[in-house]
């Protein structure tokens, strides 16, 4: 759903100034993935 909205809205005038590339979608997903954040916190504890 997230990617569908990005791809569809990237061609509209409202989002014309921001077209999401694959790299940007991956970066966004990595930064906002709850499981990754939890695992990073766990690794800090182990450190």
ModelCIF file with pLDDT and N, C-alpha, C, O atoms, coordinates in Angstrom:
data_MODEL
#
_entry.id   MODEL 
#
_entity.id                         1 
_entity.type                       polymer 
_entity.pdbx_number_of_molecules   1 
#
_entity_poly.entity_id                      1 
_entity_poly.type                           'polypeptide(L)' 
_entity_poly.nstd_linkage                   no 
_entity_poly.nstd_monomer                   no 
_entity_poly.pdbx_seq_one_letter_code       
;(UNK)(UNK)(UNK)(UNK)(UNK)(UNK)(UNK)(UNK)(UNK)(UNK)(UNK)(UNK)(UNK)(UNK)(UNK)(UNK)
(UNK)(UNK)(UNK)(UNK)(UNK)(UNK)(UNK)(UNK)(UNK)(UNK)(UNK)(UNK)(UNK)(UNK)(UNK)(UNK)
(UNK)(UNK)(UNK)(UNK)(UNK)(UNK)(UNK)(UNK)(UNK)(UNK)(UNK)(UNK)(UNK)(UNK)(UNK)
;
_entity_poly.pdbx_seq_one_letter_code_can   XXXXXXXXXXXXXXXXXXXXXXXXXXXXXXXXXXXXXXXXXXXXXXX 
_entity_poly.pdbx_strand_id                 A 
#
loop_
_entity_poly_seq.entity_id 
_entity_poly_seq.num 
_entity_poly_seq.mon_id 
_entity_poly_seq.hetero 
1 1  UNK n 
1 2  UNK n 
1 3  UNK n 
1 4  UNK n 
1 5  UNK n 
1 6  UNK n 
1 7  UNK n 
1 8  UNK n 
1 9  UNK n 
1 10 UNK n 
1 11 UNK n 
1 12 UNK n 
1 13 UNK n 
1 14 UNK n 
1 15 UNK n 
1 16 UNK n 
1 17 UNK n 
1 18 UNK n 
1 19 UNK n 
1 20 UNK n 
1 21 UNK n 
1 22 UNK n 
1 23 UNK n 
1 24 UNK n 
1 25 UNK n 
1 26 UNK n 
1 27 UNK n 
1 28 UNK n 
1 29 UNK n 
1 30 UNK n 
1 31 UNK n 
1 32 UNK n 
1 33 UNK n 
1 34 UNK n 
1 35 UNK n 
1 36 UNK n 
1 37 UNK n 
1 38 UNK n 
1 39 UNK n 
1 40 UNK n 
1 41 UNK n 
1 42 UNK n 
1 43 UNK n 
1 44 UNK n 
1 45 UNK n 
1 46 UNK n 
1 47 UNK n 
#
_struct_asym.id          A 
_struct_asym.entity_id   1 
#
loop_
_ma_qa_metric.id 
_ma_qa_metric.mode 
_ma_qa_metric.name 
_ma_qa_metric.software_group_id 
_ma_qa_metric.type 
1 global pLDDT . pLDDT 
2 local  pLDDT . pLDDT 
#
_ma_qa_metric_global.metric_id      1 
_ma_qa_metric_global.metric_value   74.30 
_ma_qa_metric_global.model_id       1 
_ma_qa_metric_global.ordinal_id     1 
#
loop_
_ma_qa_metric_local.label_asym_id 
_ma_qa_metric_local.label_comp_id 
_ma_qa_metric_local.label_seq_id 
_ma_qa_metric_local.metric_id 
_ma_qa_metric_local.metric_value 
_ma_qa_metric_local.model_id 
_ma_qa_metric_local.ordinal_id 
A UNK 1  2 49.00 1 1  
A UNK 2  2 51.00 1 2  
A UNK 3  2 51.00 1 3  
A UNK 4  2 48.00 1 4  
A UNK 5  2 45.00 1 5  
A UNK 6  2 51.00 1 6  
A UNK 7  2 47.00 1 7  
A UNK 8  2 43.00 1 8  
A UNK 9  2 43.00 1 9  
A UNK 10 2 45.00 1 10 
A UNK 11 2 41.00 1 11 
A UNK 12 2 40.00 1 12 
A UNK 13 2 40.00 1 13 
A UNK 14 2 38.00 1 14 
A UNK 15 2 40.00 1 15 
A UNK 16 2 42.00 1 16 
A UNK 17 2 53.00 1 17 
A UNK 18 2 68.00 1 18 
A UNK 19 2 79.00 1 19 
A UNK 20 2 84.00 1 20 
A UNK 21 2 90.00 1 21 
A UNK 22 2 91.00 1 22 
A UNK 23 2 92.00 1 23 
A UNK 24 2 92.00 1 24 
A UNK 25 2 92.00 1 25 
A UNK 26 2 93.00 1 26 
A UNK 27 2 93.00 1 27 
A UNK 28 2 93.00 1 28 
A UNK 29 2 93.00 1 29 
A UNK 30 2 93.00 1 30 
A UNK 31 2 92.00 1 31 
A UNK 32 2 93.00 1 32 
A UNK 33 2 92.00 1 33 
A UNK 34 2 93.00 1 34 
A UNK 35 2 92.00 1 35 
A UNK 36 2 93.00 1 36 
A UNK 37 2 93.00 1 37 
A UNK 38 2 93.00 1 38 
A UNK 39 2 93.00 1 39 
A UNK 40 2 93.00 1 40 
A UNK 41 2 93.00 1 41 
A UNK 42 2 93.00 1 42 
A UNK 43 2 92.00 1 43 
A UNK 44 2 92.00 1 44 
A UNK 45 2 93.00 1 45 
A UNK 46 2 91.00 1 46 
A UNK 47 2 91.00 1 47 
#
loop_
_atom_site.group_PDB 
_atom_site.id 
_atom_site.type_symbol 
_atom_site.label_atom_id 
_atom_site.label_alt_id 
_atom_site.label_comp_id 
_atom_site.label_asym_id 
_atom_site.label_entity_id 
_atom_site.label_seq_id 
_atom_site.pdbx_PDB_ins_code 
_atom_site.Cartn_x 
_atom_site.Cartn_y 
_atom_site.Cartn_z 
_atom_site.occupancy 
_atom_site.B_iso_or_equiv 
_atom_site.pdbx_formal_charge 
_atom_site.auth_seq_id 
_atom_site.auth_comp_id 
_atom_site.auth_asym_id 
_atom_site.auth_atom_id 
_atom_site.pdbx_PDB_model_num 
ATOM 1   N N  . UNK A 1 1  ? 0.827  -1.209 0.000   1.00 49.00 ? 1  UNK A N  1 
ATOM 2   C CA . UNK A 1 1  ? 0.000  0.000  0.000   1.00 49.00 ? 1  UNK A CA 1 
ATOM 3   C C  . UNK A 1 1  ? 0.854  1.249  0.000   1.00 49.00 ? 1  UNK A C  1 
ATOM 4   O O  . UNK A 1 1  ? 0.566  2.209  -0.714  1.00 49.00 ? 1  UNK A O  1 
ATOM 5   N N  . UNK A 1 2  ? 1.905  1.236  0.800   1.00 51.00 ? 2  UNK A N  1 
ATOM 6   C CA . UNK A 1 2  ? 2.813  2.383  0.877   1.00 51.00 ? 2  UNK A CA 1 
ATOM 7   C C  . UNK A 1 2  ? 3.459  2.671  -0.475  1.00 51.00 ? 2  UNK A C  1 
ATOM 8   O O  . UNK A 1 2  ? 3.511  3.820  -0.912  1.00 51.00 ? 2  UNK A O  1 
ATOM 9   N N  . UNK A 1 3  ? 3.950  1.624  -1.130  1.00 51.00 ? 3  UNK A N  1 
ATOM 10  C CA . UNK A 1 3  ? 4.609  1.805  -2.428  1.00 51.00 ? 3  UNK A CA 1 
ATOM 11  C C  . UNK A 1 3  ? 3.610  2.204  -3.505  1.00 51.00 ? 3  UNK A C  1 
ATOM 12  O O  . UNK A 1 3  ? 3.928  2.993  -4.395  1.00 51.00 ? 3  UNK A O  1 
ATOM 13  N N  . UNK A 1 4  ? 2.411  1.661  -3.420  1.00 48.00 ? 4  UNK A N  1 
ATOM 14  C CA . UNK A 1 4  ? 1.397  2.021  -4.414  1.00 48.00 ? 4  UNK A CA 1 
ATOM 15  C C  . UNK A 1 4  ? 1.080  3.510  -4.340  1.00 48.00 ? 4  UNK A C  1 
ATOM 16  O O  . UNK A 1 4  ? 0.967  4.179  -5.368  1.00 48.00 ? 4  UNK A O  1 
ATOM 17  N N  . UNK A 1 5  ? 0.939  4.020  -3.133  1.00 45.00 ? 5  UNK A N  1 
ATOM 18  C CA . UNK A 1 5  ? 0.664  5.451  -2.958  1.00 45.00 ? 5  UNK A CA 1 
ATOM 19  C C  . UNK A 1 5  ? 1.816  6.284  -3.490  1.00 45.00 ? 5  UNK A C  1 
ATOM 20  O O  . UNK A 1 5  ? 1.597  7.302  -4.147  1.00 45.00 ? 5  UNK A O  1 
ATOM 21  N N  . UNK A 1 6  ? 3.039  5.862  -3.211  1.00 51.00 ? 6  UNK A N  1 
ATOM 22  C CA . UNK A 1 6  ? 4.204  6.620  -3.671  1.00 51.00 ? 6  UNK A CA 1 
ATOM 23  C C  . UNK A 1 6  ? 4.278  6.666  -5.188  1.00 51.00 ? 6  UNK A C  1 
ATOM 24  O O  . UNK A 1 6  ? 4.498  7.724  -5.777  1.00 51.00 ? 6  UNK A O  1 
ATOM 25  N N  . UNK A 1 7  ? 4.092  5.503  -5.821  1.00 47.00 ? 7  UNK A N  1 
ATOM 26  C CA . UNK A 1 7  ? 4.213  5.446  -7.281  1.00 47.00 ? 7  UNK A CA 1 
ATOM 27  C C  . UNK A 1 7  ? 3.092  6.204  -7.965  1.00 47.00 ? 7  UNK A C  1 
ATOM 28  O O  . UNK A 1 7  ? 3.326  6.917  -8.941  1.00 47.00 ? 7  UNK A O  1 
ATOM 29  N N  . UNK A 1 8  ? 1.848  6.052  -7.448  1.00 43.00 ? 8  UNK A N  1 
ATOM 30  C CA . UNK A 1 8  ? 0.720  6.728  -8.074  1.00 43.00 ? 8  UNK A CA 1 
ATOM 31  C C  . UNK A 1 8  ? 0.785  8.235  -7.890  1.00 43.00 ? 8  UNK A C  1 
ATOM 32  O O  . UNK A 1 8  ? 0.555  8.987  -8.838  1.00 43.00 ? 8  UNK A O  1 
ATOM 33  N N  . UNK A 1 9  ? 1.099  8.689  -6.668  1.00 43.00 ? 9  UNK A N  1 
ATOM 34  C CA . UNK A 1 9  ? 1.115  10.118 -6.363  1.00 43.00 ? 9  UNK A CA 1 
ATOM 35  C C  . UNK A 1 9  ? 2.341  10.822 -6.922  1.00 43.00 ? 9  UNK A C  1 
ATOM 36  O O  . UNK A 1 9  ? 2.360  12.049 -7.017  1.00 43.00 ? 9  UNK A O  1 
ATOM 37  N N  . UNK A 1 10 ? 3.369  10.058 -7.294  1.00 45.00 ? 10 UNK A N  1 
ATOM 38  C CA . UNK A 1 10 ? 4.585  10.695 -7.804  1.00 45.00 ? 10 UNK A CA 1 
ATOM 39  C C  . UNK A 1 10 ? 4.341  11.383 -9.144  1.00 45.00 ? 10 UNK A C  1 
ATOM 40  O O  . UNK A 1 10 ? 5.139  12.216 -9.572  1.00 45.00 ? 10 UNK A O  1 
ATOM 41  N N  . UNK A 1 11 ? 3.226  11.032 -9.812  1.00 41.00 ? 11 UNK A N  1 
ATOM 42  C CA . UNK A 1 11 ? 2.933  11.625 -11.117 1.00 41.00 ? 11 UNK A CA 1 
ATOM 43  C C  . UNK A 1 11 ? 1.908  12.746 -11.035 1.00 41.00 ? 11 UNK A C  1 
ATOM 44  O O  . UNK A 1 11 ? 1.604  13.377 -12.047 1.00 41.00 ? 11 UNK A O  1 
ATOM 45  N N  . UNK A 1 12 ? 1.367  13.007 -9.836  1.00 40.00 ? 12 UNK A N  1 
ATOM 46  C CA . UNK A 1 12 ? 0.368  14.055 -9.695  1.00 40.00 ? 12 UNK A CA 1 
ATOM 47  C C  . UNK A 1 12 ? 1.030  15.380 -9.420  1.00 40.00 ? 12 UNK A C  1 
ATOM 48  O O  . UNK A 1 12 ? 2.200  15.432 -9.039  1.00 40.00 ? 12 UNK A O  1 
ATOM 49  N N  . UNK A 1 13 ? 0.269  16.476 -9.615  1.00 40.00 ? 13 UNK A N  1 
ATOM 50  C CA . UNK A 1 13 ? 0.831  17.808 -9.406  1.00 40.00 ? 13 UNK A CA 1 
ATOM 51  C C  . UNK A 1 13 ? 1.179  18.041 -7.952  1.00 40.00 ? 13 UNK A C  1 
ATOM 52  O O  . UNK A 1 13 ? 2.097  18.799 -7.637  1.00 40.00 ? 13 UNK A O  1 
ATOM 53  N N  . UNK A 1 14 ? 0.422  17.367 -7.038  1.00 38.00 ? 14 UNK A N  1 
ATOM 54  C CA . UNK A 1 14 ? 0.670  17.565 -5.613  1.00 38.00 ? 14 UNK A CA 1 
ATOM 55  C C  . UNK A 1 14 ? 2.042  17.046 -5.216  1.00 38.00 ? 14 UNK A C  1 
ATOM 56  O O  . UNK A 1 14 ? 2.708  17.633 -4.364  1.00 38.00 ? 14 UNK A O  1 
ATOM 57  N N  . UNK A 1 15 ? 2.465  15.947 -5.829  1.00 40.00 ? 15 UNK A N  1 
ATOM 58  C CA . UNK A 1 15 ? 3.747  15.350 -5.496  1.00 40.00 ? 15 UNK A CA 1 
ATOM 59  C C  . UNK A 1 15 ? 4.744  15.441 -6.652  1.00 40.00 ? 15 UNK A C  1 
ATOM 60  O O  . UNK A 1 15 ? 5.711  14.680 -6.699  1.00 40.00 ? 15 UNK A O  1 
ATOM 61  N N  . UNK A 1 16 ? 4.517  16.345 -7.559  1.00 42.00 ? 16 UNK A N  1 
ATOM 62  C CA . UNK A 1 16 ? 5.389  16.441 -8.732  1.00 42.00 ? 16 UNK A CA 1 
ATOM 63  C C  . UNK A 1 16 ? 6.808  16.784 -8.348  1.00 42.00 ? 16 UNK A C  1 
ATOM 64  O O  . UNK A 1 16 ? 7.756  16.372 -9.016  1.00 42.00 ? 16 UNK A O  1 
ATOM 65  N N  . UNK A 1 17 ? 6.961  17.547 -7.259  1.00 53.00 ? 17 UNK A N  1 
ATOM 66  C CA . UNK A 1 17 ? 8.298  17.952 -6.851  1.00 53.00 ? 17 UNK A CA 1 
ATOM 67  C C  . UNK A 1 17 ? 9.034  16.827 -6.138  1.00 53.00 ? 17 UNK A C  1 
ATOM 68  O O  . UNK A 1 17 ? 10.236 16.947 -5.903  1.00 53.00 ? 17 UNK A O  1 
ATOM 69  N N  . UNK A 1 18 ? 8.351  15.727 -5.782  1.00 68.00 ? 18 UNK A N  1 
ATOM 70  C CA . UNK A 1 18 ? 8.992  14.615 -5.070  1.00 68.00 ? 18 UNK A CA 1 
ATOM 71  C C  . UNK A 1 18 ? 8.572  13.292 -5.666  1.00 68.00 ? 18 UNK A C  1 
ATOM 72  O O  . UNK A 1 18 ? 7.457  12.828 -5.426  1.00 68.00 ? 18 UNK A O  1 
ATOM 73  N N  . UNK A 1 19 ? 9.449  12.677 -6.441  1.00 79.00 ? 19 UNK A N  1 
ATOM 74  C CA . UNK A 1 19 ? 9.195  11.363 -7.007  1.00 79.00 ? 19 UNK A CA 1 
ATOM 75  C C  . UNK A 1 19 ? 10.073 10.353 -6.277  1.00 79.00 ? 19 UNK A C  1 
ATOM 76  O O  . UNK A 1 19 ? 11.298 10.469 -6.260  1.00 79.00 ? 19 UNK A O  1 
ATOM 77  N N  . UNK A 1 20 ? 9.428  9.371  -5.681  1.00 84.00 ? 20 UNK A N  1 
ATOM 78  C CA . UNK A 1 20 ? 10.140 8.394  -4.873  1.00 84.00 ? 20 UNK A CA 1 
ATOM 79  C C  . UNK A 1 20 ? 10.808 7.352  -5.765  1.00 84.00 ? 20 UNK A C  1 
ATOM 80  O O  . UNK A 1 20 ? 10.147 6.671  -6.550  1.00 84.00 ? 20 UNK A O  1 
ATOM 81  N N  . UNK A 1 21 ? 12.120 7.241  -5.633  1.00 90.00 ? 21 UNK A N  1 
ATOM 82  C CA . UNK A 1 21 ? 12.855 6.213  -6.355  1.00 90.00 ? 21 UNK A CA 1 
ATOM 83  C C  . UNK A 1 21 ? 12.901 4.947  -5.515  1.00 90.00 ? 21 UNK A C  1 
ATOM 84  O O  . UNK A 1 21 ? 12.520 4.950  -4.345  1.00 90.00 ? 21 UNK A O  1 
ATOM 85  N N  . UNK A 1 22 ? 13.372 3.864  -6.123  1.00 91.00 ? 22 UNK A N  1 
ATOM 86  C CA . UNK A 1 22 ? 13.504 2.605  -5.393  1.00 91.00 ? 22 UNK A CA 1 
ATOM 87  C C  . UNK A 1 22 ? 14.460 2.770  -4.219  1.00 91.00 ? 22 UNK A C  1 
ATOM 88  O O  . UNK A 1 22 ? 14.198 2.275  -3.123  1.00 91.00 ? 22 UNK A O  1 
ATOM 89  N N  . UNK A 1 23 ? 15.577 3.474  -4.454  1.00 92.00 ? 23 UNK A N  1 
ATOM 90  C CA . UNK A 1 23 ? 16.558 3.679  -3.392  1.00 92.00 ? 23 UNK A CA 1 
ATOM 91  C C  . UNK A 1 23 ? 15.955 4.447  -2.218  1.00 92.00 ? 23 UNK A C  1 
ATOM 92  O O  . UNK A 1 23 ? 16.240 4.137  -1.061  1.00 92.00 ? 23 UNK A O  1 
ATOM 93  N N  . UNK A 1 24 ? 15.130 5.437  -2.509  1.00 92.00 ? 24 UNK A N  1 
ATOM 94  C CA . UNK A 1 24 ? 14.499 6.218  -1.444  1.00 92.00 ? 24 UNK A CA 1 
ATOM 95  C C  . UNK A 1 24 ? 13.485 5.383  -0.670  1.00 92.00 ? 24 UNK A C  1 
ATOM 96  O O  . UNK A 1 24 ? 13.369 5.511  0.548   1.00 92.00 ? 24 UNK A O  1 
ATOM 97  N N  . UNK A 1 25 ? 12.762 4.538  -1.372  1.00 92.00 ? 25 UNK A N  1 
ATOM 98  C CA . UNK A 1 25 ? 11.794 3.663  -0.698  1.00 92.00 ? 25 UNK A CA 1 
ATOM 99  C C  . UNK A 1 25 ? 12.516 2.683  0.229   1.00 92.00 ? 25 UNK A C  1 
ATOM 100 O O  . UNK A 1 25 ? 12.072 2.438  1.351   1.00 92.00 ? 25 UNK A O  1 
ATOM 101 N N  . UNK A 1 26 ? 13.627 2.129  -0.246  1.00 93.00 ? 26 UNK A N  1 
ATOM 102 C CA . UNK A 1 26 ? 14.404 1.195  0.577   1.00 93.00 ? 26 UNK A CA 1 
ATOM 103 C C  . UNK A 1 26 ? 14.953 1.913  1.804   1.00 93.00 ? 26 UNK A C  1 
ATOM 104 O O  . UNK A 1 26 ? 14.876 1.399  2.919   1.00 93.00 ? 26 UNK A O  1 
ATOM 105 N N  . UNK A 1 27 ? 15.507 3.103  1.591   1.00 93.00 ? 27 UNK A N  1 
ATOM 106 C CA . UNK A 1 27 ? 16.074 3.877  2.696   1.00 93.00 ? 27 UNK A CA 1 
ATOM 107 C C  . UNK A 1 27 ? 15.007 4.200  3.739   1.00 93.00 ? 27 UNK A C  1 
ATOM 108 O O  . UNK A 1 27 ? 15.251 4.093  4.941   1.00 93.00 ? 27 UNK A O  1 
ATOM 109 N N  . UNK A 1 28 ? 13.832 4.591  3.274   1.00 93.00 ? 28 UNK A N  1 
ATOM 110 C CA . UNK A 1 28 ? 12.729 4.922  4.186   1.00 93.00 ? 28 UNK A CA 1 
ATOM 111 C C  . UNK A 1 28 ? 12.309 3.691  4.989   1.00 93.00 ? 28 UNK A C  1 
ATOM 112 O O  . UNK A 1 28 ? 12.090 3.769  6.198   1.00 93.00 ? 28 UNK A O  1 
ATOM 113 N N  . UNK A 1 29 ? 12.199 2.555  4.301   1.00 93.00 ? 29 UNK A N  1 
ATOM 114 C CA . UNK A 1 29 ? 11.785 1.322  4.972   1.00 93.00 ? 29 UNK A CA 1 
ATOM 115 C C  . UNK A 1 29 ? 12.807 0.892  6.015   1.00 93.00 ? 29 UNK A C  1 
ATOM 116 O O  . UNK A 1 29 ? 12.433 0.454  7.102   1.00 93.00 ? 29 UNK A O  1 
ATOM 117 N N  . UNK A 1 30 ? 14.098 1.012  5.696   1.00 93.00 ? 30 UNK A N  1 
ATOM 118 C CA . UNK A 1 30 ? 15.144 0.614  6.642   1.00 93.00 ? 30 UNK A CA 1 
ATOM 119 C C  . UNK A 1 30 ? 15.150 1.514  7.870   1.00 93.00 ? 30 UNK A C  1 
ATOM 120 O O  . UNK A 1 30 ? 15.389 1.052  8.986   1.00 93.00 ? 30 UNK A O  1 
ATOM 121 N N  . UNK A 1 31 ? 14.886 2.791  7.662   1.00 92.00 ? 31 UNK A N  1 
ATOM 122 C CA . UNK A 1 31 ? 14.926 3.745  8.769   1.00 92.00 ? 31 UNK A CA 1 
ATOM 123 C C  . UNK A 1 31 ? 13.702 3.641  9.674   1.00 92.00 ? 31 UNK A C  1 
ATOM 124 O O  . UNK A 1 31 ? 13.766 4.027  10.841  1.00 92.00 ? 31 UNK A O  1 
ATOM 125 N N  . UNK A 1 32 ? 12.592 3.127  9.155   1.00 93.00 ? 32 UNK A N  1 
ATOM 126 C CA . UNK A 1 32 ? 11.345 3.120  9.915   1.00 93.00 ? 32 UNK A CA 1 
ATOM 127 C C  . UNK A 1 32 ? 10.846 1.711  10.254  1.00 93.00 ? 32 UNK A C  1 
ATOM 128 O O  . UNK A 1 32 ? 9.745  1.551  10.779  1.00 93.00 ? 32 UNK A O  1 
ATOM 129 N N  . UNK A 1 33 ? 11.655 0.696  9.955   1.00 92.00 ? 33 UNK A N  1 
ATOM 130 C CA . UNK A 1 33 ? 11.268 -0.670 10.278  1.00 92.00 ? 33 UNK A CA 1 
ATOM 131 C C  . UNK A 1 33 ? 11.401 -0.904 11.781  1.00 92.00 ? 33 UNK A C  1 
ATOM 132 O O  . UNK A 1 33 ? 12.492 -0.782 12.336  1.00 92.00 ? 33 UNK A O  1 
ATOM 133 N N  . UNK A 1 34 ? 10.287 -1.241 12.439  1.00 93.00 ? 34 UNK A N  1 
ATOM 134 C CA . UNK A 1 34 ? 10.273 -1.419 13.895  1.00 93.00 ? 34 UNK A CA 1 
ATOM 135 C C  . UNK A 1 34 ? 11.167 -2.584 14.312  1.00 93.00 ? 34 UNK A C  1 
ATOM 136 O O  . UNK A 1 34 ? 11.874 -2.498 15.316  1.00 93.00 ? 34 UNK A O  1 
ATOM 137 N N  . UNK A 1 35 ? 11.138 -3.667 13.545  1.00 92.00 ? 35 UNK A N  1 
ATOM 138 C CA . UNK A 1 35 ? 11.954 -4.830 13.888  1.00 92.00 ? 35 UNK A CA 1 
ATOM 139 C C  . UNK A 1 35 ? 13.437 -4.498 13.843  1.00 92.00 ? 35 UNK A C  1 
ATOM 140 O O  . UNK A 1 35 ? 14.202 -4.938 14.701  1.00 92.00 ? 35 UNK A O  1 
ATOM 141 N N  . UNK A 1 36 ? 13.846 -3.720 12.841  1.00 93.00 ? 36 UNK A N  1 
ATOM 142 C CA . UNK A 1 36 ? 15.255 -3.331 12.746  1.00 93.00 ? 36 UNK A CA 1 
ATOM 143 C C  . UNK A 1 36 ? 15.645 -2.457 13.929  1.00 93.00 ? 36 UNK A C  1 
ATOM 144 O O  . UNK A 1 36 ? 16.714 -2.637 14.512  1.00 93.00 ? 36 UNK A O  1 
ATOM 145 N N  . UNK A 1 37 ? 14.780 -1.510 14.286  1.00 93.00 ? 37 UNK A N  1 
ATOM 146 C CA . UNK A 1 37 ? 15.070 -0.629 15.417  1.00 93.00 ? 37 UNK A CA 1 
ATOM 147 C C  . UNK A 1 37 ? 15.225 -1.433 16.711  1.00 93.00 ? 37 UNK A C  1 
ATOM 148 O O  . UNK A 1 37 ? 16.123 -1.169 17.510  1.00 93.00 ? 37 UNK A O  1 
ATOM 149 N N  . UNK A 1 38 ? 14.350 -2.406 16.906  1.00 93.00 ? 38 UNK A N  1 
ATOM 150 C CA . UNK A 1 38 ? 14.441 -3.229 18.107  1.00 93.00 ? 38 UNK A CA 1 
ATOM 151 C C  . UNK A 1 38 ? 15.741 -4.024 18.135  1.00 93.00 ? 38 UNK A C  1 
ATOM 152 O O  . UNK A 1 38 ? 16.394 -4.123 19.174  1.00 93.00 ? 38 UNK A O  1 
ATOM 153 N N  . UNK A 1 39 ? 16.112 -4.589 16.989  1.00 93.00 ? 39 UNK A N  1 
ATOM 154 C CA . UNK A 1 39 ? 17.326 -5.399 16.924  1.00 93.00 ? 39 UNK A CA 1 
ATOM 155 C C  . UNK A 1 39 ? 18.570 -4.534 17.125  1.00 93.00 ? 39 UNK A C  1 
ATOM 156 O O  . UNK A 1 39 ? 19.546 -4.985 17.725  1.00 93.00 ? 39 UNK A O  1 
ATOM 157 N N  . UNK A 1 40 ? 18.542 -3.312 16.635  1.00 93.00 ? 40 UNK A N  1 
ATOM 158 C CA . UNK A 1 40 ? 19.668 -2.394 16.837  1.00 93.00 ? 40 UNK A CA 1 
ATOM 159 C C  . UNK A 1 40 ? 19.814 -2.071 18.325  1.00 93.00 ? 40 UNK A C  1 
ATOM 160 O O  . UNK A 1 40 ? 20.928 -2.056 18.849  1.00 93.00 ? 40 UNK A O  1 
ATOM 161 N N  . UNK A 1 41 ? 18.704 -1.816 19.000  1.00 93.00 ? 41 UNK A N  1 
ATOM 162 C CA . UNK A 1 41 ? 18.742 -1.554 20.447  1.00 93.00 ? 41 UNK A CA 1 
ATOM 163 C C  . UNK A 1 41 ? 19.273 -2.770 21.202  1.00 93.00 ? 41 UNK A C  1 
ATOM 164 O O  . UNK A 1 41 ? 20.028 -2.632 22.164  1.00 93.00 ? 41 UNK A O  1 
ATOM 165 N N  . UNK A 1 42 ? 18.875 -3.953 20.761  1.00 93.00 ? 42 UNK A N  1 
ATOM 166 C CA . UNK A 1 42 ? 19.342 -5.174 21.402  1.00 93.00 ? 42 UNK A CA 1 
ATOM 167 C C  . UNK A 1 42 ? 20.839 -5.353 21.214  1.00 93.00 ? 42 UNK A C  1 
ATOM 168 O O  . UNK A 1 42 ? 21.536 -5.773 22.138  1.00 93.00 ? 42 UNK A O  1 
ATOM 169 N N  . UNK A 1 43 ? 21.340 -5.037 20.025  1.00 92.00 ? 43 UNK A N  1 
ATOM 170 C CA . UNK A 1 43 ? 22.778 -5.160 19.756  1.00 92.00 ? 43 UNK A CA 1 
ATOM 171 C C  . UNK A 1 43 ? 23.574 -4.170 20.608  1.00 92.00 ? 43 UNK A C  1 
ATOM 172 O O  . UNK A 1 43 ? 24.682 -4.479 21.045  1.00 92.00 ? 43 UNK A O  1 
ATOM 173 N N  . UNK A 1 44 ? 23.013 -2.984 20.843  1.00 92.00 ? 44 UNK A N  1 
ATOM 174 C CA . UNK A 1 44 ? 23.684 -2.012 21.709  1.00 92.00 ? 44 UNK A CA 1 
ATOM 175 C C  . UNK A 1 44 ? 23.777 -2.532 23.141  1.00 92.00 ? 44 UNK A C  1 
ATOM 176 O O  . UNK A 1 44 ? 24.785 -2.336 23.821  1.00 92.00 ? 44 UNK A O  1 
ATOM 177 N N  . UNK A 1 45 ? 22.716 -3.196 23.586  1.00 93.00 ? 45 UNK A N  1 
ATOM 178 C CA . UNK A 1 45 ? 22.735 -3.782 24.921  1.00 93.00 ? 45 UNK A CA 1 
ATOM 179 C C  . UNK A 1 45 ? 23.811 -4.849 25.024  1.00 93.00 ? 45 UNK A C  1 
ATOM 180 O O  . UNK A 1 45 ? 24.552 -4.895 26.006  1.00 93.00 ? 45 UNK A O  1 
ATOM 181 N N  . UNK A 1 46 ? 23.901 -5.716 24.007  1.00 91.00 ? 46 UNK A N  1 
ATOM 182 C CA . UNK A 1 46 ? 24.917 -6.757 24.012  1.00 91.00 ? 46 UNK A CA 1 
ATOM 183 C C  . UNK A 1 46 ? 26.327 -6.168 23.977  1.00 91.00 ? 46 UNK A C  1 
ATOM 184 O O  . UNK A 1 46 ? 27.257 -6.735 24.551  1.00 91.00 ? 46 UNK A O  1 
ATOM 185 N N  . UNK A 1 47 ? 26.481 -5.027 23.299  1.00 91.00 ? 47 UNK A N  1 
ATOM 186 C CA . UNK A 1 47 ? 27.785 -4.369 23.254  1.00 91.00 ? 47 UNK A CA 1 
ATOM 187 C C  . UNK A 1 47 ? 28.175 -3.872 24.644  1.00 91.00 ? 47 UNK A C  1 
ATOM 188 O O  . UNK A 1 47 ? 29.246 -3.288 24.812  1.00 91.00 ? 47 UNK A O  1 
#
